[in-house]
Amino acid sequence: MRATWAAAAVWLLAGPCRANGVDLFNAAKAAEQADDKKTEAEDYAQALNSGDLTPELAAWAYVRLGGIDAFYGRNESAIANFSKAIASNPQLIAAYSLRGYVYALDGAWTAAEKDHATALALAEQQKALSDETHVLAHYADYWRRRRNYEKALECCRLSLEMKSTSNGFLRRAWTYMDMGDGERAAADYARFEEARAREHHALGRFWPDEREAIARLMKLPKP
């Protein structure tokens, strides 16, 4: 998933922090941009171990480590890192949304719904429109997994009305595919690919469940 909240880290760099921690954090961000997950994880871990990071920067480092864990299917470790992010900064929307996503992957429905609801409430409180679009897309995925397609599609509608993103189109295409509506799924998959190209979002950055869904969507007859 993604550099969904990448812009947040740029703002956080303005916070006070000693040079060593900042240098390591910036090195990790550079590795992230280069899609070098091994170096990124090592640099974030060293930045955290330095003791130099502000709570906000530390939280973002934990979010990125959690994302790397989820990318490799290490869900338990991902949840632990997202939880550390929340402990460091309880206002960090991405940590709740992504932890909720992984909880749903593991079928921990109560914990997943609680995290998605918290992420949505924080996004509304903070008037974080960009965050809210992604939170709603992830919430849609929760409802799709619960086979509540009406709620999934409503979350997709709200997300895409705020902004047309590859994340939103993927969730709606995936929902339609699970509903057996191949025509609408294929149409939204085409929109997903157009949005992904605009966002320069490489297919290799998606998480395992997303990559599997994309592979299935690719096989649908083109609209």
Protein backbone atom coordinates (compact mmCIF):
# COMPACT_ATOMS: atom_id res chain seq x y z
CA MET A 1 0.00 0.00 0.00
CA ARG A 2 1.77 2.48 -0.60
CA ALA A 3 3.00 5.89 0.13
CA THR A 4 -0.53 6.82 0.97
CA TRP A 5 0.45 9.38 3.57
CA ALA A 6 3.90 10.28 2.23
CA ALA A 7 3.23 14.02 2.39
CA ALA A 8 2.80 13.87 6.14
CA ALA A 9 6.43 12.97 6.65
CA VAL A 10 7.57 16.08 4.79
CA TRP A 11 5.66 18.28 7.24
CA LEU A 12 7.00 16.38 10.22
CA LEU A 13 10.59 17.10 9.24
CA ALA A 14 10.06 20.64 10.41
CA GLY A 15 9.93 19.40 14.02
CA PRO A 16 12.92 19.81 16.34
CA CYS A 17 15.30 16.87 16.23
CA ARG A 18 19.06 16.37 16.50
CA ALA A 19 21.05 15.86 13.33
CA ASN A 20 21.72 12.13 13.64
CA GLY A 21 18.05 11.19 13.91
CA VAL A 22 17.06 13.53 11.08
CA ASP A 23 19.83 12.26 8.81
CA LEU A 24 18.76 8.67 9.37
CA PHE A 25 15.11 9.54 8.89
CA ASN A 26 15.87 11.39 5.65
CA ALA A 27 18.02 8.48 4.44
CA ALA A 28 15.08 6.16 5.08
CA LYS A 29 12.76 8.47 3.12
CA ALA A 30 15.22 8.45 0.21
CA ALA A 31 15.32 4.65 0.30
CA GLU A 32 11.52 4.62 0.33
CA GLN A 33 11.42 6.76 -2.82
CA ALA A 34 13.89 4.37 -4.45
CA ASP A 35 11.73 1.41 -3.35
CA ASP A 36 14.68 -0.07 -1.45
CA LYS A 37 12.76 -1.64 1.41
CA LYS A 38 15.75 -3.34 3.05
CA THR A 39 17.70 -0.08 3.37
CA GLU A 40 14.57 1.83 4.32
CA ALA A 41 13.79 -0.56 7.18
CA GLU A 42 17.38 -0.49 8.41
CA ASP A 43 17.54 3.30 8.37
CA TYR A 44 14.18 3.75 10.13
CA ALA A 45 15.22 1.22 12.79
CA GLN A 46 18.51 3.06 13.35
CA ALA A 47 16.70 6.40 13.49
CA LEU A 48 14.40 5.04 16.18
CA ASN A 49 17.31 3.51 18.10
CA SER A 50 19.14 6.84 18.04
CA GLY A 51 16.69 8.26 20.55
CA ASP A 52 16.78 11.53 18.63
CA LEU A 53 13.36 11.46 17.03
CA THR A 54 10.42 13.52 18.16
CA PRO A 55 7.27 11.50 18.97
CA GLU A 56 5.77 12.58 15.64
CA LEU A 57 8.78 11.43 13.62
CA ALA A 58 9.05 8.21 15.60
CA ALA A 59 5.39 7.48 14.92
CA TRP A 60 5.88 7.92 11.20
CA ALA A 61 8.95 5.66 11.27
CA TYR A 62 6.88 2.95 12.96
CA VAL A 63 4.13 3.38 10.35
CA ARG A 64 6.63 2.84 7.55
CA LEU A 65 8.13 -0.21 9.29
CA GLY A 66 4.62 -1.58 9.71
CA GLY A 67 3.95 -1.00 6.03
CA ILE A 68 7.10 -2.91 5.08
CA ASP A 69 6.06 -5.78 7.36
CA ALA A 70 2.61 -5.87 5.74
CA PHE A 71 4.17 -5.81 2.28
CA TYR A 72 5.99 -9.05 3.14
CA GLY A 73 2.94 -10.60 4.82
CA ARG A 74 4.31 -10.22 8.36
CA ASN A 75 0.96 -9.16 9.76
CA GLU A 76 1.70 -9.67 13.46
CA SER A 77 4.83 -7.53 13.26
CA ALA A 78 2.96 -4.93 11.17
CA ILE A 79 0.25 -4.62 13.83
CA ALA A 80 2.91 -4.27 16.53
CA ASN A 81 4.63 -1.43 14.65
CA PHE A 82 1.35 0.38 13.92
CA SER A 83 0.53 0.07 17.63
CA LYS A 84 3.88 1.63 18.53
CA ALA A 85 3.11 4.46 16.12
CA ILE A 86 -0.20 5.10 17.87
CA ALA A 87 1.50 5.03 21.28
CA SER A 88 4.00 7.61 20.03
CA ASN A 89 1.40 9.83 18.35
CA PRO A 90 -2.26 9.01 19.08
CA GLN A 91 -3.36 11.54 16.44
CA LEU A 92 -1.68 9.81 13.50
CA ILE A 93 -4.53 8.83 11.19
CA ALA A 94 -2.49 6.50 8.97
CA ALA A 95 -1.53 4.25 11.88
CA TYR A 96 -5.15 3.48 12.79
CA SER A 97 -6.27 3.05 9.17
CA LEU A 98 -3.43 0.70 8.24
CA ARG A 99 -3.65 -1.28 11.48
CA GLY A 100 -7.38 -1.67 10.87
CA TYR A 101 -6.63 -2.92 7.36
CA VAL A 102 -4.24 -5.59 8.66
CA TYR A 103 -6.64 -6.59 11.44
CA ALA A 104 -9.25 -7.22 8.74
CA LEU A 105 -6.76 -9.31 6.77
CA ASP A 106 -6.50 -11.53 9.86
CA GLY A 107 -10.27 -11.59 10.42
CA ALA A 108 -10.08 -9.56 13.65
CA TRP A 109 -13.30 -7.76 12.76
CA THR A 110 -14.01 -5.92 16.02
CA ALA A 111 -10.50 -4.49 16.26
CA ALA A 112 -10.50 -3.63 12.56
CA GLU A 113 -13.79 -1.75 12.66
CA LYS A 114 -12.74 0.16 15.79
CA ASP A 115 -9.52 1.31 14.09
CA HIS A 116 -11.27 2.34 10.88
CA ALA A 117 -13.88 4.29 12.85
CA THR A 118 -11.14 6.01 14.87
CA ALA A 119 -9.19 6.90 11.72
CA LEU A 120 -12.30 8.37 10.11
CA ALA A 121 -13.18 10.39 13.22
CA LEU A 122 -9.63 11.78 13.42
CA ALA A 123 -9.63 12.68 9.72
CA GLU A 124 -12.89 14.58 10.16
CA GLN A 125 -11.67 16.31 13.33
CA GLN A 126 -8.39 17.33 11.70
CA LYS A 127 -10.14 18.28 8.45
CA ALA A 128 -7.58 16.10 6.69
CA LEU A 129 -9.31 15.65 3.34
CA SER A 130 -6.45 13.75 1.69
CA ASP A 131 -6.26 11.34 4.61
CA GLU A 132 -10.03 10.91 4.70
CA THR A 133 -10.17 9.72 1.08
CA HIS A 134 -7.79 6.86 1.90
CA VAL A 135 -9.41 6.09 5.25
CA LEU A 136 -12.76 5.66 3.49
CA ALA A 137 -11.18 3.46 0.81
CA HIS A 138 -9.70 1.21 3.50
CA TYR A 139 -13.00 1.18 5.37
CA ALA A 140 -14.65 0.07 2.12
CA ASP A 141 -12.24 -2.84 2.01
CA TYR A 142 -13.31 -3.84 5.53
CA TRP A 143 -16.97 -3.92 4.50
CA ARG A 144 -16.15 -5.84 1.32
CA ARG A 145 -14.43 -8.53 3.38
CA ARG A 146 -17.52 -8.68 5.59
CA ARG A 147 -19.60 -9.07 2.39
CA ASN A 148 -21.54 -5.91 3.21
CA TYR A 149 -21.26 -4.63 -0.33
CA GLU A 150 -23.74 -1.80 0.15
CA LYS A 151 -21.58 -0.20 2.84
CA ALA A 152 -18.41 -0.93 0.86
CA LEU A 153 -19.76 0.87 -2.20
CA GLU A 154 -20.97 3.80 -0.10
CA CYS A 155 -17.48 4.23 1.38
CA CYS A 156 -16.03 4.08 -2.13
CA ARG A 157 -18.51 6.68 -3.34
CA LEU A 158 -17.62 9.08 -0.53
CA SER A 159 -13.90 8.52 -1.05
CA LEU A 160 -14.03 9.06 -4.81
CA GLU A 161 -16.27 12.13 -4.47
CA MET A 162 -13.52 13.72 -2.37
CA LYS A 163 -10.79 12.76 -4.82
CA SER A 164 -10.37 10.28 -7.67
CA THR A 165 -7.54 8.04 -6.45
CA SER A 166 -6.18 4.67 -7.53
CA ASN A 167 -6.91 3.45 -3.99
CA GLY A 168 -10.59 4.33 -4.28
CA PHE A 169 -11.00 2.82 -7.75
CA LEU A 170 -9.20 -0.36 -6.70
CA ARG A 171 -11.54 -0.85 -3.71
CA ARG A 172 -14.63 -0.33 -5.86
CA ALA A 173 -13.38 -2.59 -8.65
CA TRP A 174 -12.56 -5.26 -6.08
CA THR A 175 -16.01 -4.93 -4.51
CA TYR A 176 -17.75 -5.28 -7.87
CA MET A 177 -15.59 -8.29 -8.69
CA ASP A 178 -16.56 -10.00 -5.43
CA MET A 179 -20.20 -9.20 -6.20
CA GLY A 180 -19.83 -10.98 -9.55
CA ASP A 181 -20.30 -7.78 -11.57
CA GLY A 182 -17.39 -8.21 -13.97
CA GLU A 183 -18.43 -5.38 -16.28
CA ARG A 184 -18.36 -2.71 -13.57
CA ALA A 185 -15.25 -4.24 -12.03
CA ALA A 186 -13.42 -4.04 -15.37
CA ALA A 187 -14.51 -0.43 -15.90
CA ASP A 188 -13.23 0.59 -12.48
CA TYR A 189 -10.03 -1.38 -12.99
CA ALA A 190 -9.38 0.73 -16.10
CA ARG A 191 -9.96 3.87 -14.00
CA PHE A 192 -7.61 2.46 -11.36
CA GLU A 193 -4.84 2.03 -13.94
CA GLU A 194 -5.34 5.58 -15.25
CA ALA A 195 -5.18 7.00 -11.72
CA ARG A 196 -2.20 4.83 -10.81
CA ALA A 197 -0.29 6.17 -13.82
CA ARG A 198 -1.06 9.76 -12.78
CA GLU A 199 0.12 9.03 -9.24
CA HIS A 200 3.27 7.18 -10.42
CA HIS A 201 2.25 4.31 -8.14
CA ALA A 202 4.21 1.20 -9.14
CA LEU A 203 2.42 -2.15 -9.01
CA GLY A 204 5.31 -3.59 -7.01
CA ARG A 205 4.45 -1.35 -4.06
CA PHE A 206 1.08 -2.96 -3.37
CA TRP A 207 0.54 -5.41 -0.52
CA PRO A 208 0.07 -9.18 -1.20
CA ASP A 209 -3.74 -9.18 -1.04
CA GLU A 210 -3.87 -6.17 -3.37
CA ARG A 211 -1.45 -7.72 -5.85
CA GLU A 212 -3.58 -10.86 -5.92
CA ALA A 213 -6.75 -8.83 -6.55
CA ILE A 214 -5.05 -6.80 -9.29
CA ALA A 215 -3.93 -10.01 -11.00
CA ARG A 216 -7.55 -11.21 -10.99
CA LEU A 217 -8.85 -7.87 -12.25
CA MET A 218 -6.35 -7.91 -15.11
CA LYS A 219 -7.96 -11.09 -16.44
CA LEU A 220 -11.44 -9.58 -16.73
CA PRO A 221 -12.67 -8.77 -20.26
CA LYS A 222 -11.94 -5.15 -21.08
CA PRO A 223 -15.02 -2.86 -21.04
